[in-house]
PDB file of N, CA and C in Angstrom:
ATOM      1  N   MET A   1      44.886   8.720 -53.827  1.00  0.00           N
ATOM      2  CA  MET A   1      46.120   8.163 -53.327  1.00  0.00           C
ATOM      3  C   MET A   1      46.011   7.889 -51.829  1.00  0.00           C
ATOM      4  N   LYS A   2      45.307   8.759 -51.126  1.00  0.00           N
ATOM      5  CA  LYS A   2      45.146   8.582 -49.693  1.00  0.00           C
ATOM      6  C   LYS A   2      44.327   7.324 -49.396  1.00  0.00           C
ATOM      7  N   LYS A   3      43.341   7.041 -50.224  1.00  0.00           N
ATOM      8  CA  LYS A   3      42.506   5.852 -50.024  1.00  0.00           C
ATOM      9  C   LYS A   3      43.311   4.569 -50.210  1.00  0.00           C
ATOM     10  N   ILE A   4      44.275   4.585 -51.117  1.00  0.00           N
ATOM     11  CA  ILE A   4      45.107   3.394 -51.328  1.00  0.00           C
ATOM     12  C   ILE A   4      45.950   3.122 -50.092  1.00  0.00           C
ATOM     13  N   GLY A   5      46.524   4.169 -49.513  1.00  0.00           N
ATOM     14  CA  GLY A   5      47.309   4.005 -48.295  1.00  0.00           C
ATOM     15  C   GLY A   5      46.464   3.506 -47.136  1.00  0.00           C
ATOM     16  N   LEU A   6      45.256   4.047 -47.006  1.00  0.00           N
ATOM     17  CA  LEU A   6      44.357   3.573 -45.959  1.00  0.00           C
ATOM     18  C   LEU A   6      43.971   2.113 -46.180  1.00  0.00           C
ATOM     19  N   PHE A   7      43.753   1.750 -47.449  1.00  0.00           N
ATOM     20  CA  PHE A   7      43.393   0.364 -47.758  1.00  0.00           C
ATOM     21  C   PHE A   7      44.525  -0.596 -47.400  1.00  0.00           C
ATOM     22  N   VAL A   8      45.746  -0.237 -47.757  1.00  0.00           N
ATOM     23  CA  VAL A   8      46.899  -1.098 -47.455  1.00  0.00           C
ATOM     24  C   VAL A   8      47.091  -1.218 -45.942  1.00  0.00           C
ATOM     25  N   LEU A   9      47.013  -0.104 -45.243  1.00  0.00           N
ATOM     26  CA  LEU A   9      47.159  -0.129 -43.793  1.00  0.00           C
ATOM     27  C   LEU A   9      46.045  -0.943 -43.138  1.00  0.00           C
ATOM     28  N   GLY A  10      44.831  -0.794 -43.616  1.00  0.00           N
ATOM     29  CA  GLY A  10      43.709  -1.569 -43.094  1.00  0.00           C
ATOM     30  C   GLY A  10      43.853  -3.050 -43.376  1.00  0.00           C
ATOM     31  N   ALA A  11      44.352  -3.388 -44.560  1.00  0.00           N
ATOM     32  CA  ALA A  11      44.546  -4.804 -44.897  1.00  0.00           C
ATOM     33  C   ALA A  11      45.608  -5.438 -43.998  1.00  0.00           C
ATOM     34  N   ILE A  12      46.699  -4.722 -43.761  1.00  0.00           N
ATOM     35  CA  ILE A  12      47.750  -5.244 -42.882  1.00  0.00           C
ATOM     36  C   ILE A  12      47.218  -5.411 -41.463  1.00  0.00           C
ATOM     37  N   ALA A  13      46.456  -4.432 -40.989  1.00  0.00           N
ATOM     38  CA  ALA A  13      45.888  -4.518 -39.642  1.00  0.00           C
ATOM     39  C   ALA A  13      44.887  -5.661 -39.537  1.00  0.00           C
ATOM     40  N   ALA A  14      44.083  -5.880 -40.576  1.00  0.00           N
ATOM     41  CA  ALA A  14      43.104  -6.965 -40.547  1.00  0.00           C
ATOM     42  C   ALA A  14      43.782  -8.328 -40.538  1.00  0.00           C
ATOM     43  N   VAL A  15      44.824  -8.487 -41.342  1.00  0.00           N
ATOM     44  CA  VAL A  15      45.550  -9.766 -41.369  1.00  0.00           C
ATOM     45  C   VAL A  15      46.210 -10.017 -40.015  1.00  0.00           C
ATOM     46  N   THR A  16      46.796  -8.991 -39.436  1.00  0.00           N
ATOM     47  CA  THR A  16      47.428  -9.125 -38.117  1.00  0.00           C
ATOM     48  C   THR A  16      46.394  -9.480 -37.052  1.00  0.00           C
ATOM     49  N   LEU A  17      45.244  -8.842 -37.116  1.00  0.00           N
ATOM     50  CA  LEU A  17      44.189  -9.126 -36.142  1.00  0.00           C
ATOM     51  C   LEU A  17      43.701 -10.561 -36.267  1.00  0.00           C
ATOM     52  N   PHE A  18      43.445 -10.996 -37.492  1.00  0.00           N
ATOM     53  CA  PHE A  18      42.939 -12.360 -37.681  1.00  0.00           C
ATOM     54  C   PHE A  18      43.992 -13.419 -37.397  1.00  0.00           C
ATOM     55  N   ALA A  19      45.256 -13.082 -37.564  1.00  0.00           N
ATOM     56  CA  ALA A  19      46.318 -14.035 -37.254  1.00  0.00           C
ATOM     57  C   ALA A  19      46.466 -14.230 -35.747  1.00  0.00           C
ATOM     58  N   ASN A  20      46.113 -13.211 -34.970  1.00  0.00           N
ATOM     59  CA  ASN A  20      46.264 -13.286 -33.524  1.00  0.00           C
ATOM     60  C   ASN A  20      44.934 -13.401 -32.790  1.00  0.00           C
ATOM     61  N   ILE A  21      43.899 -13.840 -33.476  1.00  0.00           N
ATOM     62  CA  ILE A  21      42.576 -13.911 -32.860  1.00  0.00           C
ATOM     63  C   ILE A  21      42.525 -14.987 -31.766  1.00  0.00           C
ATOM     64  N   GLY A  22      43.307 -16.044 -31.921  1.00  0.00           N
ATOM     65  CA  GLY A  22      43.336 -17.094 -30.902  1.00  0.00           C
ATOM     66  C   GLY A  22      43.926 -16.604 -29.594  1.00  0.00           C
ATOM     67  N   SER A  23      45.031 -15.891 -29.686  1.00  0.00           N
ATOM     68  CA  SER A  23      45.645 -15.359 -28.468  1.00  0.00           C
ATOM     69  C   SER A  23      44.772 -14.283 -27.840  1.00  0.00           C
ATOM     70  N   LEU A  24      44.012 -13.581 -28.654  1.00  0.00           N
ATOM     71  CA  LEU A  24      43.086 -12.584 -28.130  1.00  0.00           C
ATOM     72  C   LEU A  24      41.963 -13.264 -27.341  1.00  0.00           C
ATOM     73  N   ALA A  25      41.487 -14.398 -27.829  1.00  0.00           N
ATOM     74  CA  ALA A  25      40.454 -15.154 -27.116  1.00  0.00           C
ATOM     75  C   ALA A  25      40.996 -15.698 -25.793  1.00  0.00           C
ATOM     76  N   VAL A  26      42.240 -16.197 -25.799  1.00  0.00           N
ATOM     77  CA  VAL A  26      42.849 -16.694 -24.570  1.00  0.00           C
ATOM     78  C   VAL A  26      43.024 -15.550 -23.565  1.00  0.00           C
ATOM     79  N   LEU A  27      43.398 -14.389 -24.034  1.00  0.00           N
ATOM     80  CA  LEU A  27      43.531 -13.230 -23.152  1.00  0.00           C
ATOM     81  C   LEU A  27      42.187 -12.877 -22.522  1.00  0.00           C
ATOM     82  N   ALA A  28      41.138 -12.879 -23.318  1.00  0.00           N
ATOM     83  CA  ALA A  28      39.811 -12.554 -22.798  1.00  0.00           C
ATOM     84  C   ALA A  28      39.375 -13.560 -21.733  1.00  0.00           C
ATOM     85  N   VAL A  29      39.603 -14.838 -21.984  1.00  0.00           N
ATOM     86  CA  VAL A  29      39.221 -15.875 -21.017  1.00  0.00           C
ATOM     87  C   VAL A  29      40.028 -15.733 -19.733  1.00  0.00           C
ATOM     88  N   SER A  30      41.323 -15.495 -19.857  1.00  0.00           N
ATOM     89  CA  SER A  30      42.149 -15.370 -18.651  1.00  0.00           C
ATOM     90  C   SER A  30      41.785 -14.124 -17.853  1.00  0.00           C
ATOM     91  N   LEU A  31      41.411 -13.045 -18.523  1.00  0.00           N
ATOM     92  CA  LEU A  31      40.976 -11.848 -17.796  1.00  0.00           C
ATOM     93  C   LEU A  31      39.635 -12.063 -17.095  1.00  0.00           C
ATOM     94  N   VAL A  32      38.753 -12.824 -17.712  1.00  0.00           N
ATOM     95  CA  VAL A  32      37.479 -13.151 -17.061  1.00  0.00           C
ATOM     96  C   VAL A  32      37.727 -14.012 -15.821  1.00  0.00           C
ATOM     97  N   ILE A  33      38.607 -14.993 -15.937  1.00  0.00           N
ATOM     98  CA  ILE A  33      38.943 -15.829 -14.782  1.00  0.00           C
ATOM     99  C   ILE A  33      39.591 -14.994 -13.681  1.00  0.00           C
ATOM    100  N   LEU A  34      40.463 -14.082 -14.053  1.00  0.00           N
ATOM    101  CA  LEU A  34      41.112 -13.207 -13.076  1.00  0.00           C
ATOM    102  C   LEU A  34      40.074 -12.336 -12.357  1.00  0.00           C
ATOM    103  N   TYR A  35      39.137 -11.800 -13.099  1.00  0.00           N
ATOM    104  CA  TYR A  35      38.085 -10.987 -12.492  1.00  0.00           C
ATOM    105  C   TYR A  35      37.222 -11.821 -11.538  1.00  0.00           C
ATOM    106  N   TYR A  36      36.859 -13.020 -11.986  1.00  0.00           N
ATOM    107  CA  TYR A  36      36.040 -13.906 -11.152  1.00  0.00           C
ATOM    108  C   TYR A  36      36.801 -14.294  -9.885  1.00  0.00           C
ATOM    109  N   ALA A  37      38.096 -14.579  -9.987  1.00  0.00           N
ATOM    110  CA  ALA A  37      38.905 -14.931  -8.817  1.00  0.00           C
ATOM    111  C   ALA A  37      38.985 -13.749  -7.850  1.00  0.00           C
ATOM    112  N   TRP A  38      39.107 -12.538  -8.377  1.00  0.00           N
ATOM    113  CA  TRP A  38      39.149 -11.348  -7.525  1.00  0.00           C
ATOM    114  C   TRP A  38      37.842 -11.181  -6.754  1.00  0.00           C
ATOM    115  N   LYS A  39      36.718 -11.332  -7.466  1.00  0.00           N
ATOM    116  CA  LYS A  39      35.422 -11.186  -6.807  1.00  0.00           C
ATOM    117  C   LYS A  39      35.210 -12.264  -5.741  1.00  0.00           C
ATOM    118  N   ARG A  40      35.590 -13.491  -6.042  1.00  0.00           N
ATOM    119  CA  ARG A  40      35.436 -14.583  -5.065  1.00  0.00           C
ATOM    120  C   ARG A  40      36.400 -14.411  -3.889  1.00  0.00           C
ATOM    121  N   TRP A  41      37.588 -13.859  -4.137  1.00  0.00           N
ATOM    122  CA  TRP A  41      38.532 -13.610  -3.056  1.00  0.00           C
ATOM    123  C   TRP A  41      37.981 -12.559  -2.088  1.00  0.00           C
ATOM    124  N   MET A  42      37.319 -11.558  -2.650  1.00  0.00           N
ATOM    125  CA  MET A  42      36.739 -10.524  -1.797  1.00  0.00           C
ATOM    126  C   MET A  42      35.616 -11.074  -0.922  1.00  0.00           C
ATOM    127  N   LYS A  43      34.882 -12.080  -1.410  1.00  0.00           N
ATOM    128  CA  LYS A  43      33.763 -12.652  -0.669  1.00  0.00           C
ATOM    129  C   LYS A  43      34.174 -13.796   0.252  1.00  0.00           C
ATOM    130  N   ALA A  44      35.373 -14.332   0.079  1.00  0.00           N
ATOM    131  CA  ALA A  44      35.807 -15.492   0.864  1.00  0.00           C
ATOM    132  C   ALA A  44      35.933 -15.119   2.333  1.00  0.00           C
ATOM    133  N   GLU A  45      35.535 -16.081   3.180  1.00  0.00           N
ATOM    134  CA  GLU A  45      35.560 -15.820   4.618  1.00  0.00           C
ATOM    135  C   GLU A  45      36.708 -16.527   5.327  1.00  0.00           C
ATOM    136  N   THR A  46      37.102 -17.676   4.837  1.00  0.00           N
ATOM    137  CA  THR A  46      38.175 -18.416   5.508  1.00  0.00           C
ATOM    138  C   THR A  46      39.505 -18.162   4.809  1.00  0.00           C
ATOM    139  N   THR A  47      40.570 -18.440   5.526  1.00  0.00           N
ATOM    140  CA  THR A  47      41.911 -18.245   4.985  1.00  0.00           C
ATOM    141  C   THR A  47      42.202 -19.214   3.851  1.00  0.00           C
ATOM    142  N   MET A  48      41.723 -20.446   3.968  1.00  0.00           N
ATOM    143  CA  MET A  48      41.970 -21.445   2.913  1.00  0.00           C
ATOM    144  C   MET A  48      41.292 -21.034   1.595  1.00  0.00           C
ATOM    145  N   LYS A  49      40.081 -20.529   1.701  1.00  0.00           N
ATOM    146  CA  LYS A  49      39.388 -20.080   0.491  1.00  0.00           C
ATOM    147  C   LYS A  49      40.108 -18.877  -0.129  1.00  0.00           C
ATOM    148  N   LYS A  50      40.580 -17.978   0.724  1.00  0.00           N
ATOM    149  CA  LYS A  50      41.321 -16.815   0.213  1.00  0.00           C
ATOM    150  C   LYS A  50      42.602 -17.255  -0.489  1.00  0.00           C
ATOM    151  N   LEU A  51      43.338 -18.211   0.098  1.00  0.00           N
ATOM    152  CA  LEU A  51      44.558 -18.719  -0.536  1.00  0.00           C
ATOM    153  C   LEU A  51      44.251 -19.424  -1.863  1.00  0.00           C
ATOM    154  N   PHE A  52      43.137 -20.172  -1.900  1.00  0.00           N
ATOM    155  CA  PHE A  52      42.736 -20.855  -3.125  1.00  0.00           C
ATOM    156  C   PHE A  52      42.461 -19.846  -4.242  1.00  0.00           C
ATOM    157  N   TRP A  53      41.712 -18.804  -3.927  1.00  0.00           N
ATOM    158  CA  TRP A  53      41.378 -17.814  -4.953  1.00  0.00           C
ATOM    159  C   TRP A  53      42.580 -16.958  -5.330  1.00  0.00           C
ATOM    160  N   ILE A  54      43.506 -16.753  -4.390  1.00  0.00           N
ATOM    161  CA  ILE A  54      44.749 -16.060  -4.727  1.00  0.00           C
ATOM    162  C   ILE A  54      45.563 -16.886  -5.709  1.00  0.00           C
ATOM    163  N   ALA A  55      45.639 -18.199  -5.491  1.00  0.00           N
ATOM    164  CA  ALA A  55      46.389 -19.082  -6.396  1.00  0.00           C
ATOM    165  C   ALA A  55      45.777 -19.075  -7.794  1.00  0.00           C
ATOM    166  N   ILE A  56      44.471 -19.154  -7.866  1.00  0.00           N
ATOM    167  CA  ILE A  56      43.801 -19.115  -9.177  1.00  0.00           C
ATOM    168  C   ILE A  56      44.020 -17.750  -9.836  1.00  0.00           C
ATOM    169  N   GLY A  57      43.967 -16.692  -9.057  1.00  0.00           N
ATOM    170  CA  GLY A  57      44.194 -15.357  -9.594  1.00  0.00           C
ATOM    171  C   GLY A  57      45.604 -15.181 -10.121  1.00  0.00           C
ATOM    172  N   ILE A  58      46.588 -15.732  -9.410  1.00  0.00           N
ATOM    173  CA  ILE A  58      47.979 -15.632  -9.868  1.00  0.00           C
ATOM    174  C   ILE A  58      48.169 -16.386 -11.180  1.00  0.00           C
ATOM    175  N   VAL A  59      47.589 -17.572 -11.274  1.00  0.00           N
ATOM    176  CA  VAL A  59      47.694 -18.350 -12.520  1.00  0.00           C
ATOM    177  C   VAL A  59      47.027 -17.600 -13.672  1.00  0.00           C
ATOM    178  N   ALA A  60      45.860 -17.024 -13.433  1.00  0.00           N
ATOM    179  CA  ALA A  60      45.163 -16.277 -14.489  1.00  0.00           C
ATOM    180  C   ALA A  60      45.938 -15.019 -14.865  1.00  0.00           C
ATOM    181  N   PHE A  61      46.548 -14.356 -13.884  1.00  0.00           N
ATOM    182  CA  PHE A  61      47.341 -13.158 -14.164  1.00  0.00           C
ATOM    183  C   PHE A  61      48.569 -13.494 -15.004  1.00  0.00           C
ATOM    184  N   VAL A  62      49.242 -14.580 -14.663  1.00  0.00           N
ATOM    185  CA  VAL A  62      50.423 -14.980 -15.436  1.00  0.00           C
ATOM    186  C   VAL A  62      50.017 -15.356 -16.862  1.00  0.00           C
ATOM    187  N   ALA A  63      48.871 -16.037 -16.998  1.00  0.00           N
ATOM    188  CA  ALA A  63      48.400 -16.413 -18.337  1.00  0.00           C
ATOM    189  C   ALA A  63      48.065 -15.176 -19.166  1.00  0.00           C
ATOM    190  N   SER A  64      47.472 -14.177 -18.537  1.00  0.00           N
ATOM    191  CA  SER A  64      47.114 -12.973 -19.298  1.00  0.00           C
ATOM    192  C   SER A  64      48.336 -12.082 -19.544  1.00  0.00           C
ATOM    193  N   ALA A  65      49.277 -12.043 -18.607  1.00  0.00           N
ATOM    194  CA  ALA A  65      50.452 -11.196 -18.777  1.00  0.00           C
ATOM    195  C   ALA A  65      51.414 -11.755 -19.820  1.00  0.00           C
ATOM    196  N   SER A  66      51.425 -13.071 -19.993  1.00  0.00           N
ATOM    197  CA  SER A  66      52.347 -13.672 -20.950  1.00  0.00           C
ATOM    198  C   SER A  66      51.777 -13.736 -22.361  1.00  0.00           C
ATOM    199  N   ASN A  67      50.677 -13.094 -22.575  1.00  0.00           N
ATOM    200  CA  ASN A  67      49.999 -13.150 -23.871  1.00  0.00           C
ATOM    201  C   ASN A  67      50.323 -11.913 -24.700  1.00  0.00           C
ATOM    202  N   ALA A  68      51.570 -11.755 -25.104  1.00  0.00           N
ATOM    203  CA  ALA A  68      52.002 -10.584 -25.878  1.00  0.00           C
ATOM    204  C   ALA A  68      51.354 -10.495 -27.260  1.00  0.00           C
ATOM    205  N   PRO A  69      51.147 -11.610 -27.968  1.00  0.00           N
ATOM    206  CA  PRO A  69      50.484 -11.478 -29.280  1.00  0.00           C
ATOM    207  C   PRO A  69      49.073 -10.895 -29.187  1.00  0.00           C
ATOM    208  N   ALA A  70      48.434 -11.075 -28.062  1.00  0.00           N
ATOM    209  CA  ALA A  70      47.100 -10.496 -27.909  1.00  0.00           C
ATOM    210  C   ALA A  70      47.179  -8.977 -27.858  1.00  0.00           C
ATOM    211  N   LEU A  71      48.255  -8.454 -27.305  1.00  0.00           N
ATOM    212  CA  LEU A  71      48.420  -6.994 -27.290  1.00  0.00           C
ATOM    213  C   LEU A  71      48.632  -6.460 -28.704  1.00  0.00           C
ATOM    214  N   ILE A  72      49.331  -7.238 -29.523  1.00  0.00           N
ATOM    215  CA  ILE A  72      49.492  -6.867 -30.935  1.00  0.00           C
ATOM    216  C   ILE A  72      48.143  -6.883 -31.633  1.00  0.00           C
ATOM    217  N   ALA A  73      47.305  -7.856 -31.291  1.00  0.00           N
ATOM    218  CA  ALA A  73      45.969  -7.938 -31.884  1.00  0.00           C
ATOM    219  C   ALA A  73      45.108  -6.757 -31.457  1.00  0.00           C
ATOM    220  N   VAL A  74      45.229  -6.338 -30.210  1.00  0.00           N
ATOM    221  CA  VAL A  74      44.474  -5.176 -29.737  1.00  0.00           C
ATOM    222  C   VAL A  74      44.938  -3.918 -30.482  1.00  0.00           C
ATOM    223  N   ALA A  75      46.234  -3.765 -30.671  1.00  0.00           N
ATOM    224  CA  ALA A  75      46.757  -2.619 -31.417  1.00  0.00           C
ATOM    225  C   ALA A  75      46.285  -2.656 -32.868  1.00  0.00           C
ATOM    226  N   ALA A  76      46.246  -3.838 -33.467  1.00  0.00           N
ATOM    227  CA  ALA A  76      45.766  -3.967 -34.847  1.00  0.00           C
ATOM    228  C   ALA A  76      44.290  -3.627 -34.942  1.00  0.00           C
ATOM    229  N   ALA A  77      43.519  -4.008 -33.931  1.00  0.00           N
ATOM    230  CA  ALA A  77      42.094  -3.667 -33.928  1.00  0.00           C
ATOM    231  C   ALA A  77      41.907  -2.160 -33.827  1.00  0.00           C
ATOM    232  N   TYR A  78      42.736  -1.498 -33.030  1.00  0.00           N
ATOM    233  CA  TYR A  78      42.652  -0.045 -32.918  1.00  0.00           C
ATOM    234  C   TYR A  78      43.022   0.626 -34.243  1.00  0.00           C
ATOM    235  N   VAL A  79      44.063   0.138 -34.897  1.00  0.00           N
ATOM    236  CA  VAL A  79      44.468   0.704 -36.193  1.00  0.00           C
ATOM    237  C   VAL A  79      43.355   0.504 -37.212  1.00  0.00           C
ATOM    238  N   LEU A  80      42.722  -0.658 -37.188  1.00  0.00           N
ATOM    239  CA  LEU A  80      41.614  -0.928 -38.096  1.00  0.00           C
ATOM    240  C   LEU A  80      40.456   0.030 -37.833  1.00  0.00           C
ATOM    241  N   TYR A  81      40.195   0.334 -36.574  1.00  0.00           N
ATOM    242  CA  TYR A  81      39.141   1.283 -36.219  1.00  0.00           C
ATOM    243  C   TYR A  81      39.466   2.689 -36.734  1.00  0.00           C
ATOM    244  N   VAL A  82      40.716   3.115 -36.565  1.00  0.00           N
ATOM    245  CA  VAL A  82      41.125   4.443 -37.022  1.00  0.00           C
ATOM    246  C   VAL A  82      41.041   4.529 -38.547  1.00  0.00           C
ATOM    247  N   VAL A  83      41.452   3.476 -39.239  1.00  0.00           N
ATOM    248  CA  VAL A  83      41.365   3.459 -40.701  1.00  0.00           C
ATOM    249  C   VAL A  83      39.907   3.540 -41.141  1.00  0.00           C
ATOM    250  N   TYR A  84      39.041   2.834 -40.457  1.00  0.00           N
ATOM    251  CA  TYR A  84      37.619   2.877 -40.787  1.00  0.00           C
ATOM    252  C   TYR A  84      37.053   4.287 -40.612  1.00  0.00           C
ATOM    253  N   LYS A  85      37.426   4.948 -39.513  1.00  0.00           N
ATOM    254  CA  LYS A  85      36.939   6.300 -39.273  1.00  0.00           C
ATOM    255  C   LYS A  85      37.471   7.280 -40.325  1.00  0.00           C
ATOM    256  N   LYS A  86      38.750   7.135 -40.692  1.00  0.00           N
ATOM    257  CA  LYS A  86      39.341   8.026 -41.701  1.00  0.00           C
ATOM    258  C   LYS A  86      38.729   7.776 -43.079  1.00  0.00           C
ATOM    259  N   TRP A  87      38.401   6.522 -43.370  1.00  0.00           N
ATOM    260  CA  TRP A  87      37.839   6.176 -44.671  1.00  0.00           C
ATOM    261  C   TRP A  87      36.468   6.826 -44.843  1.00  0.00           C
ATOM    262  N   ASN A  88      35.668   6.852 -43.790  1.00  0.00           N
ATOM    263  CA  ASN A  88      34.307   7.382 -43.870  1.00  0.00           C
ATOM    264  C   ASN A  88      34.225   8.867 -43.539  1.00  0.00           C
ATOM    265  N   GLU A  89      35.360   9.499 -43.327  1.00  0.00           N
ATOM    266  CA  GLU A  89      35.387  10.919 -43.000  1.00  0.00           C
ATOM    267  C   GLU A  89      35.015  11.734 -44.227  1.00  0.00           C
ATOM    268  N   THR A  90      34.153  12.725 -44.024  1.00  0.00           N
ATOM    269  CA  THR A  90      33.776  13.582 -45.140  1.00  0.00           C
ATOM    270  C   THR A  90      34.779  14.707 -45.258  1.00  0.00           C
ATOM    271  N   LYS A  91      35.080  15.046 -46.466  1.00  0.00           N
ATOM    272  CA  LYS A  91      36.047  16.102 -46.723  1.00  0.00           C
ATOM    273  C   LYS A  91      35.332  17.444 -46.654  1.00  0.00           C
ATOM    274  N   GLN A  92      35.826  18.328 -45.813  1.00  0.00           N
ATOM    275  CA  GLN A  92      35.207  19.636 -45.667  1.00  0.00           C
ATOM    276  C   GLN A  92      35.934  20.640 -46.553  1.00  0.00           C
ATOM    277  N   MET A  93      35.161  21.306 -47.342  1.00  0.00           N
ATOM    278  CA  MET A  93      35.716  22.294 -48.261  1.00  0.00           C
ATOM    279  C   MET A  93      35.707  23.654 -47.564  1.00  0.00           C
ATOM    280  N   LYS A  94      36.768  24.420 -47.785  1.00  0.00           N
ATOM    281  CA  LYS A  94      36.816  25.776 -47.253  1.00  0.00           C
ATOM    282  C   LYS A  94      35.963  26.666 -48.142  1.00  0.00           C
ATOM    283  N   PRO A  95      35.174  27.518 -47.533  1.00  0.00           N
ATOM    284  CA  PRO A  95      34.354  28.395 -48.377  1.00  0.00           C
ATOM    285  C   PRO A  95      35.233  29.398 -49.115  1.00  0.00           C
ATOM    286  N   LYS A  96      34.840  29.668 -50.335  1.00  0.00           N
ATOM    287  CA  LYS A  96      35.593  30.645 -51.130  1.00  0.00           C
ATOM    288  C   LYS A  96      35.395  32.029 -50.551  1.00  0.00           C
ATOM    289  N   GLU A  97      36.458  32.811 -50.597  1.00  0.00           N
ATOM    290  CA  GLU A  97      36.349  34.186 -50.135  1.00  0.00           C
ATOM    291  C   GLU A  97      35.600  34.968 -51.204  1.00  0.00           C
ATOM    292  N   MET A  98      34.568  35.629 -50.776  1.00  0.00           N
ATOM    293  CA  MET A  98      33.741  36.354 -51.736  1.00  0.00           C
ATOM    294  C   MET A  98      34.409  37.685 -52.090  1.00  0.00           C
ATOM    295  N   ASP A  99      34.206  38.099 -53.317  1.00  0.00           N
ATOM    296  CA  ASP A  99      34.752  39.375 -53.772  1.00  0.00           C
ATOM    297  C   ASP A  99      33.758  40.514 -53.587  1.00  0.00           C
ATOM    298  N   ASP A 100      32.709  40.275 -52.864  1.00  0.00           N
ATOM    299  CA  ASP A 100      31.692  41.285 -52.610  1.00  0.00           C
ATOM    300  C   ASP A 100      32.262  42.340 -51.664  1.00  0.00           C
ATOM    301  N   PRO A 101      32.342  43.605 -52.091  1.00  0.00           N
ATOM    302  CA  PRO A 101      32.931  44.621 -51.212  1.00  0.00           C
ATOM    303  C   PRO A 101      32.094  44.895 -49.966  1.00  0.00           C
ATOM    304  N   PHE A 102      30.798  44.589 -50.015  1.00  0.00           N
ATOM    305  CA  PHE A 102      29.941  44.843 -48.856  1.00  0.00           C
ATOM    306  C   PHE A 102      30.034  43.724 -47.819  1.00  0.00           C
ATOM    307  N   ALA A 103      30.531  42.580 -48.223  1.00  0.00           N
ATOM    308  CA  ALA A 103      30.664  41.466 -47.290  1.00  0.00           C
ATOM    309  C   ALA A 103      31.827  41.691 -46.337  1.00  0.00           C
ATOM    310  N   HIS A 104      32.843  42.389 -46.780  1.00  0.00           N
ATOM    311  CA  HIS A 104      34.029  42.628 -45.959  1.00  0.00           C
ATOM    312  C   HIS A 104      34.268  44.131 -45.863  1.00  0.00           C
ATOM    313  N   PHE A 105      33.357  44.806 -45.202  1.00  0.00           N
ATOM    314  CA  PHE A 105      33.419  46.261 -45.129  1.00  0.00           C
ATOM    315  C   PHE A 105      34.671  46.745 -44.399  1.00  0.00           C
ATOM    316  N   GLU A 106      35.013  46.091 -43.308  1.00  0.00           N
ATOM    317  CA  GLU A 106      36.173  46.522 -42.528  1.00  0.00           C
ATOM    318  C   GLU A 106      37.454  46.406 -43.345  1.00  0.00           C
ATOM    319  N   LYS A 107      37.561  45.355 -44.114  1.00  0.00           N
ATOM    320  CA  LYS A 107      38.744  45.156 -44.956  1.00  0.00           C
ATOM    321  C   LYS A 107      38.832  46.235 -46.027  1.00  0.00           C
ATOM    322  N   GLN A 108      37.702  46.528 -46.624  1.00  0.00           N
ATOM    323  CA  GLN A 108      37.673  47.561 -47.657  1.00  0.00           C
ATOM    324  C   GLN A 108      37.976  48.949 -47.062  1.00  0.00           C
ATOM    325  N   TRP A 109      37.465  49.203 -45.873  1.00  0.00           N
ATOM    326  CA  TRP A 109      37.709  50.495 -45.230  1.00  0.00           C
ATOM    327  C   TRP A 109      39.192  50.659 -44.901  1.00  0.00           C
ATOM    328  N   ALA A 110      39.828  49.603 -44.437  1.00  0.00           N
ATOM    329  CA  ALA A 110      41.268  49.661 -44.138  1.00  0.00           C
ATOM    330  C   ALA A 110      42.068  49.912 -45.390  1.00  0.00           C
ATOM    331  N   GLU A 111      41.671  49.336 -46.506  1.00  0.00           N
ATOM    332  CA  GLU A 111      42.367  49.568 -47.766  1.00  0.00           C
ATOM    333  C   GLU A 111      42.204  51.026 -48.219  1.00  0.00           C
ATOM    334  N   LEU A 112      41.006  51.584 -48.015  1.00  0.00           N
ATOM    335  CA  LEU A 112      40.786  52.984 -48.373  1.00  0.00           C
ATOM    336  C   LEU A 112      41.631  53.920 -47.521  1.00  0.00           C
ATOM    337  N   GLU A 113      41.735  53.643 -46.228  1.00  0.00           N
ATOM    338  CA  GLU A 113      42.516  54.492 -45.338  1.00  0.00           C
ATOM    339  C   GLU A 113      44.007  54.395 -45.669  1.00  0.00           C
ATOM    340  N   ARG A 114      44.439  53.261 -46.078  1.00  0.00           N
ATOM    341  CA  ARG A 114      45.854  53.073 -46.424  1.00  0.00           C
ATOM    342  C   ARG A 114      46.210  53.837 -47.697  1.00  0.00           C
ATOM    343  N   ASN A 115      45.276  53.914 -48.623  1.00  0.00           N
ATOM    344  CA  ASN A 115      45.545  54.611 -49.885  1.00  0.00           C
ATOM    345  C   ASN A 115      45.566  56.126 -49.713  1.00  0.00           C
ATOM    346  N   PHE A 116      44.954  56.667 -48.703  1.00  0.00           N
ATOM    347  CA  PHE A 116      44.912  58.128 -48.519  1.00  0.00           C
ATOM    348  C   PHE A 116      45.934  58.588 -47.540  1.00  0.00           C
TER     349      PHE A 116
END
């Protein structure tokens, strides 16, 4: 039953991710442009070059900040990752408590003292 729930959740996350893959690509491009503008602004020597790179950086920042569907795609990718990890998780069994009286000497000794 747990696998069915994971499958449904993974399917919904995959459809959401693939539906928003275009906005995710636009977000990636705008963040790359923003990073490049920041690096060029740091290296610029004249005021005009600094203003030019600031303008490009502002445009790239606005483009990346207005990309809300890309944030949904990032969240869907994270959910898909968590579902994948849970799906491949091995189930750990608890070891059975042994009835060997010599394995739990302290427990047996306490029971003997309680009876006397």
